Each structure stands twice: as C-alpha cells, then as structure tokens.
Amino acid sequence: MIQTKFPITYGNRDEKVGIIKIEVRLEDNTQLDGDKYLVIDWDTDDLKNAYCSKTVFWDNERLTQMNNYLEATYNFSEMTRKESEYLKIVIALMIDTKTNLLPSGKTIYRVTPNDWEFSPEVVERFPMLLNV
C-alpha cells in the first residue's frame, strides 16, 4: 500500500536494512462504534514474513472525518464501491503515516513524512495516486 522510498535501517534488537511496506486490512467492521484494522509492516525483500503487525481501532467520528475529507478532495465517482473503499484506506494510511508524528517530527521508522510513497502495484492500479 505505502512504502519507504529507499532502504532504511530498522529492527528492535538487530539491524536490518530494507524498504518497509505497510499494508492495512479491515479486520472487524461489526462493532457499532467504529472499525478495527490490521496494520502489517513488511520488508519488501521478504513479503512472506511480516516484520511486525498491530491492530488499530478508528472510531466512527474519525472514520467520518476522514471519509468527508477524502470525498471532498478526490474523485471516486468512476470506481466501484470496492475500489473506492480500498483506495480510501490506502490514502488514509498515507495521511495517517505522514501526520501522526513522533516528538522528533519524524514518522514511524524515524523517517520524514516525504520519505513515504504509494507502493508501485497500488499506483499501477490507481494512476491518480501519482498526483497525490
């Protein structure tokens, strides 16, 4: 979905170098007060073994705010419901990654907001992301 633009050093107790790709999957949308997502981090050199993963919950207010922003900013009219939902998750992931900063002003993996890009397979599927 999104990835670092270049290899970075990462790891908790070891030192690995690779391009980090982050994927989000809807895990549970049956709760009345919001949705639960699974966030998975991969090294693009090893897409069979996730580097780490976590579950995040977005409440209805946050979901509505993000959806309203995306609907006002991007054109989803030519897409199927599935395509637009997927693309909204991808763009929301990028926005969240670039704006949910550490005290240092850096993003996760201690890189700058401009060090992230949409993954090539997502850009190929949705060329409009080249202009986002």
N, C-alpha and C. Protein backbone atom coordinates (compact mmCIF):
# COMPACT_ATOMS: atom_id res chain seq x y z
N MET A 1 0.82 -1.20 0.00
CA MET A 1 0.00 0.00 0.00
C MET A 1 0.86 1.26 0.00
N ILE A 2 1.66 1.45 1.07
CA ILE A 2 2.65 2.53 1.06
C ILE A 2 3.98 1.93 1.46
N GLN A 3 5.05 2.63 1.12
CA GLN A 3 6.37 2.12 1.45
C GLN A 3 7.37 3.27 1.53
N THR A 4 8.52 2.97 2.17
CA THR A 4 9.58 3.98 2.18
C THR A 4 10.15 4.08 0.77
N LYS A 5 10.64 5.27 0.44
CA LYS A 5 11.17 5.49 -0.90
C LYS A 5 12.54 4.86 -1.11
N PHE A 6 13.18 4.51 -0.03
CA PHE A 6 14.53 3.96 -0.08
C PHE A 6 14.72 3.01 1.09
N PRO A 7 15.75 2.15 1.02
CA PRO A 7 16.00 1.24 2.14
C PRO A 7 16.35 2.03 3.40
N ILE A 8 15.82 1.54 4.52
CA ILE A 8 16.10 2.16 5.82
C ILE A 8 16.62 1.10 6.77
N THR A 9 17.26 1.53 7.83
CA THR A 9 17.69 0.63 8.87
C THR A 9 16.55 0.49 9.87
N TYR A 10 16.19 -0.73 10.22
CA TYR A 10 15.10 -0.97 11.15
C TYR A 10 15.44 -2.18 12.00
N GLY A 11 14.66 -2.40 13.02
CA GLY A 11 14.84 -3.56 13.89
C GLY A 11 14.90 -3.13 15.33
N ASN A 12 14.45 -4.00 16.21
CA ASN A 12 14.46 -3.72 17.65
C ASN A 12 15.76 -4.15 18.30
N ARG A 13 16.13 -5.36 18.10
CA ARG A 13 17.34 -5.89 18.73
C ARG A 13 18.40 -6.25 17.71
N ASP A 14 18.07 -6.11 16.47
CA ASP A 14 19.04 -6.37 15.41
C ASP A 14 19.00 -5.20 14.45
N GLU A 15 19.82 -5.24 13.46
CA GLU A 15 19.87 -4.15 12.49
C GLU A 15 19.66 -4.73 11.10
N LYS A 16 18.50 -4.43 10.54
CA LYS A 16 18.17 -4.87 9.20
C LYS A 16 18.06 -3.65 8.31
N VAL A 17 18.23 -3.84 7.02
CA VAL A 17 18.10 -2.75 6.06
C VAL A 17 17.16 -3.21 4.97
N GLY A 18 16.16 -2.38 4.66
CA GLY A 18 15.23 -2.73 3.60
C GLY A 18 14.19 -1.65 3.40
N ILE A 19 13.47 -1.78 2.33
CA ILE A 19 12.33 -0.90 2.07
C ILE A 19 11.16 -1.45 2.86
N ILE A 20 10.56 -0.62 3.70
CA ILE A 20 9.43 -1.05 4.52
C ILE A 20 8.14 -0.74 3.80
N LYS A 21 7.30 -1.74 3.68
CA LYS A 21 5.98 -1.60 3.06
C LYS A 21 4.94 -1.79 4.16
N ILE A 22 3.93 -0.92 4.19
CA ILE A 22 2.88 -1.02 5.19
C ILE A 22 1.56 -1.30 4.49
N GLU A 23 0.86 -2.27 5.02
CA GLU A 23 -0.43 -2.69 4.47
C GLU A 23 -1.48 -2.59 5.57
N VAL A 24 -2.69 -2.23 5.20
CA VAL A 24 -3.80 -2.18 6.15
C VAL A 24 -4.91 -3.07 5.62
N ARG A 25 -5.48 -3.85 6.53
CA ARG A 25 -6.62 -4.70 6.19
C ARG A 25 -7.73 -4.44 7.19
N LEU A 26 -8.94 -4.34 6.69
CA LEU A 26 -10.09 -4.24 7.58
C LEU A 26 -10.22 -5.57 8.31
N GLU A 27 -10.19 -5.52 9.63
CA GLU A 27 -10.24 -6.74 10.41
C GLU A 27 -11.63 -7.01 10.98
N ASP A 28 -12.30 -5.92 11.39
CA ASP A 28 -13.62 -6.10 12.01
C ASP A 28 -14.43 -4.83 11.83
N ASN A 29 -15.53 -4.94 11.09
CA ASN A 29 -16.42 -3.79 10.92
C ASN A 29 -17.80 -4.08 11.52
N THR A 30 -17.84 -4.98 12.48
CA THR A 30 -19.11 -5.35 13.10
C THR A 30 -19.40 -4.56 14.38
N GLN A 31 -18.43 -3.80 14.85
CA GLN A 31 -18.64 -3.01 16.06
C GLN A 31 -19.43 -1.75 15.72
N LEU A 32 -20.32 -1.37 16.57
CA LEU A 32 -21.17 -0.21 16.30
C LEU A 32 -20.43 1.12 16.43
N ASP A 33 -19.35 1.14 17.19
CA ASP A 33 -18.67 2.41 17.46
C ASP A 33 -17.44 2.66 16.59
N GLY A 34 -17.16 1.80 15.61
CA GLY A 34 -16.03 2.02 14.71
C GLY A 34 -15.56 0.75 14.06
N ASP A 35 -14.38 0.83 13.45
CA ASP A 35 -13.80 -0.31 12.73
C ASP A 35 -12.41 -0.63 13.27
N LYS A 36 -12.07 -1.91 13.22
CA LYS A 36 -10.76 -2.38 13.63
C LYS A 36 -9.98 -2.78 12.38
N TYR A 37 -8.72 -2.34 12.32
CA TYR A 37 -7.86 -2.62 11.17
C TYR A 37 -6.60 -3.34 11.63
N LEU A 38 -6.09 -4.20 10.76
CA LEU A 38 -4.81 -4.85 11.00
C LEU A 38 -3.77 -4.13 10.14
N VAL A 39 -2.74 -3.62 10.78
CA VAL A 39 -1.65 -2.92 10.09
C VAL A 39 -0.45 -3.85 10.09
N ILE A 40 0.08 -4.13 8.91
CA ILE A 40 1.18 -5.08 8.76
C ILE A 40 2.36 -4.38 8.09
N ASP A 41 3.54 -4.53 8.70
CA ASP A 41 4.78 -3.97 8.14
C ASP A 41 5.61 -5.10 7.56
N TRP A 42 6.06 -4.89 6.34
CA TRP A 42 6.85 -5.88 5.63
C TRP A 42 8.17 -5.26 5.18
N ASP A 43 9.18 -6.08 5.05
CA ASP A 43 10.39 -5.70 4.30
C ASP A 43 10.13 -6.21 2.89
N THR A 44 10.25 -5.36 1.89
CA THR A 44 9.90 -5.77 0.52
C THR A 44 10.78 -6.90 0.00
N ASP A 45 11.90 -7.18 0.68
CA ASP A 45 12.73 -8.32 0.29
C ASP A 45 12.21 -9.64 0.87
N ASP A 46 11.22 -9.55 1.77
CA ASP A 46 10.67 -10.75 2.41
C ASP A 46 9.18 -10.55 2.66
N LEU A 47 8.38 -10.69 1.62
CA LEU A 47 6.94 -10.46 1.74
C LEU A 47 6.18 -11.69 2.25
N LYS A 48 6.90 -12.74 2.64
CA LYS A 48 6.25 -13.91 3.21
C LYS A 48 6.17 -13.82 4.73
N ASN A 49 7.07 -13.06 5.32
CA ASN A 49 7.15 -12.95 6.77
C ASN A 49 7.01 -11.49 7.18
N ALA A 50 5.91 -11.17 7.83
CA ALA A 50 5.70 -9.79 8.28
C ALA A 50 6.74 -9.43 9.31
N TYR A 51 7.24 -8.19 9.24
CA TYR A 51 8.20 -7.72 10.24
C TYR A 51 7.47 -7.47 11.56
N CYS A 52 6.34 -6.80 11.49
CA CYS A 52 5.51 -6.62 12.68
C CYS A 52 4.08 -6.30 12.24
N SER A 53 3.17 -6.42 13.18
CA SER A 53 1.78 -6.10 12.89
C SER A 53 1.11 -5.64 14.17
N LYS A 54 0.04 -4.89 14.01
CA LYS A 54 -0.74 -4.45 15.16
C LYS A 54 -2.16 -4.17 14.71
N THR A 55 -3.05 -4.17 15.67
CA THR A 55 -4.44 -3.84 15.42
C THR A 55 -4.68 -2.41 15.87
N VAL A 56 -5.38 -1.64 15.05
CA VAL A 56 -5.75 -0.27 15.42
C VAL A 56 -7.26 -0.12 15.27
N PHE A 57 -7.81 0.75 16.11
CA PHE A 57 -9.24 0.99 16.08
C PHE A 57 -9.48 2.45 15.74
N TRP A 58 -10.34 2.70 14.75
CA TRP A 58 -10.77 4.05 14.41
C TRP A 58 -12.25 4.15 14.77
N ASP A 59 -12.57 5.13 15.61
CA ASP A 59 -13.97 5.29 16.00
C ASP A 59 -14.75 5.96 14.86
N ASN A 60 -16.05 5.95 14.99
CA ASN A 60 -16.92 6.48 13.93
C ASN A 60 -16.62 7.94 13.60
N GLU A 61 -16.32 8.74 14.61
CA GLU A 61 -16.03 10.14 14.36
C GLU A 61 -14.80 10.30 13.47
N ARG A 62 -13.75 9.57 13.79
CA ARG A 62 -12.52 9.64 12.97
C ARG A 62 -12.77 9.12 11.57
N LEU A 63 -13.51 8.03 11.46
CA LEU A 63 -13.83 7.46 10.15
C LEU A 63 -14.63 8.46 9.30
N THR A 64 -15.61 9.10 9.92
CA THR A 64 -16.44 10.07 9.20
C THR A 64 -15.63 11.27 8.76
N GLN A 65 -14.78 11.78 9.65
CA GLN A 65 -13.94 12.92 9.29
C GLN A 65 -13.04 12.59 8.11
N MET A 66 -12.40 11.43 8.15
CA MET A 66 -11.51 11.04 7.06
C MET A 66 -12.29 10.84 5.77
N ASN A 67 -13.44 10.16 5.85
CA ASN A 67 -14.25 9.94 4.66
C ASN A 67 -14.71 11.26 4.05
N ASN A 68 -15.15 12.19 4.88
CA ASN A 68 -15.59 13.50 4.38
C ASN A 68 -14.46 14.23 3.69
N TYR A 69 -13.27 14.19 4.28
CA TYR A 69 -12.10 14.83 3.67
C TYR A 69 -11.78 14.18 2.32
N LEU A 70 -11.75 12.87 2.29
CA LEU A 70 -11.40 12.16 1.05
C LEU A 70 -12.44 12.42 -0.03
N GLU A 71 -13.72 12.38 0.31
CA GLU A 71 -14.78 12.63 -0.67
C GLU A 71 -14.71 14.06 -1.23
N ALA A 72 -14.31 15.01 -0.39
CA ALA A 72 -14.22 16.40 -0.83
C ALA A 72 -12.96 16.66 -1.65
N THR A 73 -11.95 15.82 -1.48
CA THR A 73 -10.65 16.07 -2.09
C THR A 73 -10.39 15.25 -3.36
N TYR A 74 -10.93 14.05 -3.42
CA TYR A 74 -10.64 13.13 -4.52
C TYR A 74 -11.93 12.70 -5.21
N ASN A 75 -11.78 12.29 -6.46
CA ASN A 75 -12.93 11.86 -7.26
C ASN A 75 -12.97 10.33 -7.30
N PHE A 76 -13.97 9.77 -6.67
CA PHE A 76 -14.15 8.32 -6.64
C PHE A 76 -15.33 7.88 -7.51
N SER A 77 -15.89 8.80 -8.28
CA SER A 77 -17.16 8.55 -8.98
C SER A 77 -17.07 7.47 -10.06
N GLU A 78 -15.92 7.27 -10.65
CA GLU A 78 -15.79 6.29 -11.73
C GLU A 78 -15.39 4.90 -11.20
N MET A 79 -15.36 4.74 -9.90
CA MET A 79 -14.90 3.49 -9.30
C MET A 79 -16.05 2.68 -8.74
N THR A 80 -15.82 1.38 -8.65
CA THR A 80 -16.77 0.53 -7.96
C THR A 80 -16.69 0.83 -6.46
N ARG A 81 -17.67 0.36 -5.72
CA ARG A 81 -17.66 0.56 -4.27
C ARG A 81 -16.40 -0.05 -3.65
N LYS A 82 -16.04 -1.24 -4.09
CA LYS A 82 -14.86 -1.93 -3.57
C LYS A 82 -13.58 -1.14 -3.88
N GLU A 83 -13.48 -0.64 -5.11
CA GLU A 83 -12.30 0.13 -5.49
C GLU A 83 -12.18 1.40 -4.66
N SER A 84 -13.29 2.11 -4.49
CA SER A 84 -13.23 3.37 -3.75
C SER A 84 -12.94 3.11 -2.27
N GLU A 85 -13.49 2.06 -1.68
CA GLU A 85 -13.20 1.74 -0.28
C GLU A 85 -11.73 1.39 -0.10
N TYR A 86 -11.19 0.60 -1.02
CA TYR A 86 -9.78 0.22 -0.95
C TYR A 86 -8.90 1.46 -1.08
N LEU A 87 -9.19 2.29 -2.07
CA LEU A 87 -8.37 3.48 -2.31
C LEU A 87 -8.45 4.45 -1.13
N LYS A 88 -9.61 4.57 -0.52
CA LYS A 88 -9.74 5.43 0.66
C LYS A 88 -8.86 4.92 1.80
N ILE A 89 -8.79 3.61 1.98
CA ILE A 89 -7.93 3.06 3.03
C ILE A 89 -6.46 3.36 2.71
N VAL A 90 -6.08 3.22 1.45
CA VAL A 90 -4.69 3.50 1.06
C VAL A 90 -4.33 4.95 1.32
N ILE A 91 -5.17 5.87 0.88
CA ILE A 91 -4.89 7.29 1.07
C ILE A 91 -4.92 7.66 2.56
N ALA A 92 -5.87 7.10 3.30
CA ALA A 92 -5.94 7.37 4.74
C ALA A 92 -4.69 6.86 5.44
N LEU A 93 -4.16 5.71 5.03
CA LEU A 93 -2.92 5.20 5.60
C LEU A 93 -1.78 6.18 5.37
N MET A 94 -1.69 6.71 4.15
CA MET A 94 -0.63 7.67 3.84
C MET A 94 -0.79 8.93 4.69
N ILE A 95 -2.00 9.44 4.77
CA ILE A 95 -2.24 10.65 5.56
C ILE A 95 -1.88 10.40 7.02
N ASP A 96 -2.34 9.29 7.58
CA ASP A 96 -2.07 8.98 8.98
C ASP A 96 -0.58 8.81 9.22
N THR A 97 0.12 8.14 8.32
CA THR A 97 1.55 7.93 8.47
C THR A 97 2.32 9.25 8.43
N LYS A 98 1.92 10.14 7.53
CA LYS A 98 2.63 11.41 7.38
C LYS A 98 2.29 12.45 8.44
N THR A 99 1.18 12.26 9.15
CA THR A 99 0.76 13.28 10.12
C THR A 99 0.81 12.82 11.56
N ASN A 100 0.90 11.54 11.80
CA ASN A 100 0.97 11.01 13.16
C ASN A 100 2.45 10.93 13.54
N LEU A 101 3.01 12.07 13.94
CA LEU A 101 4.46 12.20 14.08
C LEU A 101 4.94 11.91 15.50
N LEU A 102 6.18 11.47 15.56
CA LEU A 102 6.88 11.29 16.82
C LEU A 102 7.28 12.67 17.36
N PRO A 103 7.66 12.78 18.63
CA PRO A 103 8.08 14.08 19.17
C PRO A 103 9.21 14.73 18.36
N SER A 104 10.02 13.94 17.69
CA SER A 104 11.12 14.45 16.87
C SER A 104 10.64 15.09 15.57
N GLY A 105 9.34 14.92 15.25
CA GLY A 105 8.82 15.41 13.98
C GLY A 105 8.94 14.39 12.86
N LYS A 106 9.45 13.21 13.19
CA LYS A 106 9.59 12.14 12.20
C LYS A 106 8.41 11.18 12.31
N THR A 107 8.27 10.35 11.29
CA THR A 107 7.21 9.35 11.26
C THR A 107 7.72 8.05 11.88
N ILE A 108 6.91 7.02 11.81
CA ILE A 108 7.38 5.70 12.21
C ILE A 108 8.64 5.38 11.43
N TYR A 109 9.47 4.55 11.96
CA TYR A 109 10.76 4.17 11.40
C TYR A 109 11.72 5.35 11.31
N ARG A 110 11.39 6.43 12.02
CA ARG A 110 12.27 7.60 12.13
C ARG A 110 12.69 8.18 10.78
N VAL A 111 11.73 8.25 9.87
CA VAL A 111 11.96 8.90 8.58
C VAL A 111 11.03 10.11 8.49
N THR A 112 11.26 10.96 7.51
CA THR A 112 10.44 12.16 7.37
C THR A 112 9.15 11.83 6.61
N PRO A 113 8.14 12.66 6.74
CA PRO A 113 6.89 12.41 6.00
C PRO A 113 7.10 12.28 4.48
N ASN A 114 8.07 12.99 3.94
CA ASN A 114 8.30 12.93 2.49
C ASN A 114 9.06 11.68 2.05
N ASP A 115 9.45 10.84 3.00
CA ASP A 115 10.17 9.62 2.67
C ASP A 115 9.24 8.44 2.36
N TRP A 116 7.92 8.71 2.30
CA TRP A 116 6.94 7.67 2.02
C TRP A 116 6.35 7.86 0.63
N GLU A 117 6.01 6.75 -0.02
CA GLU A 117 5.34 6.78 -1.32
C GLU A 117 4.32 5.65 -1.37
N PHE A 118 3.40 5.76 -2.33
CA PHE A 118 2.47 4.66 -2.56
C PHE A 118 3.23 3.53 -3.24
N SER A 119 2.92 2.30 -2.87
CA SER A 119 3.60 1.14 -3.45
C SER A 119 3.32 1.05 -4.95
N PRO A 120 4.31 0.60 -5.72
CA PRO A 120 4.16 0.57 -7.18
C PRO A 120 2.91 -0.16 -7.67
N GLU A 121 2.54 -1.28 -7.05
CA GLU A 121 1.37 -2.02 -7.52
C GLU A 121 0.08 -1.25 -7.28
N VAL A 122 0.05 -0.41 -6.26
CA VAL A 122 -1.14 0.39 -6.00
C VAL A 122 -1.21 1.56 -7.00
N VAL A 123 -0.07 2.15 -7.30
CA VAL A 123 -0.04 3.25 -8.28
C VAL A 123 -0.42 2.72 -9.66
N GLU A 124 0.03 1.51 -9.98
CA GLU A 124 -0.33 0.91 -11.28
C GLU A 124 -1.84 0.70 -11.37
N ARG A 125 -2.45 0.30 -10.29
CA ARG A 125 -3.90 0.07 -10.25
C ARG A 125 -4.68 1.38 -10.22
N PHE A 126 -4.12 2.40 -9.54
CA PHE A 126 -4.78 3.70 -9.39
C PHE A 126 -3.80 4.81 -9.77
N PRO A 127 -3.62 5.07 -11.07
CA PRO A 127 -2.66 6.07 -11.52
C PRO A 127 -2.88 7.48 -10.92
N MET A 128 -4.09 7.76 -10.46
CA MET A 128 -4.36 9.07 -9.86
C MET A 128 -3.47 9.34 -8.66
N LEU A 129 -2.92 8.27 -8.06
CA LEU A 129 -2.06 8.44 -6.89
C LEU A 129 -0.74 9.12 -7.22
N LEU A 130 -0.40 9.16 -8.50
CA LEU A 130 0.80 9.88 -8.89
C LEU A 130 0.69 11.35 -8.58
N ASN A 131 -0.52 11.87 -8.50
CA ASN A 131 -0.75 13.29 -8.25
C ASN A 131 -1.15 13.59 -6.81
N VAL A 132 -1.08 12.60 -5.94
CA VAL A 132 -1.49 12.81 -4.54
C VAL A 132 -0.27 13.17 -3.72
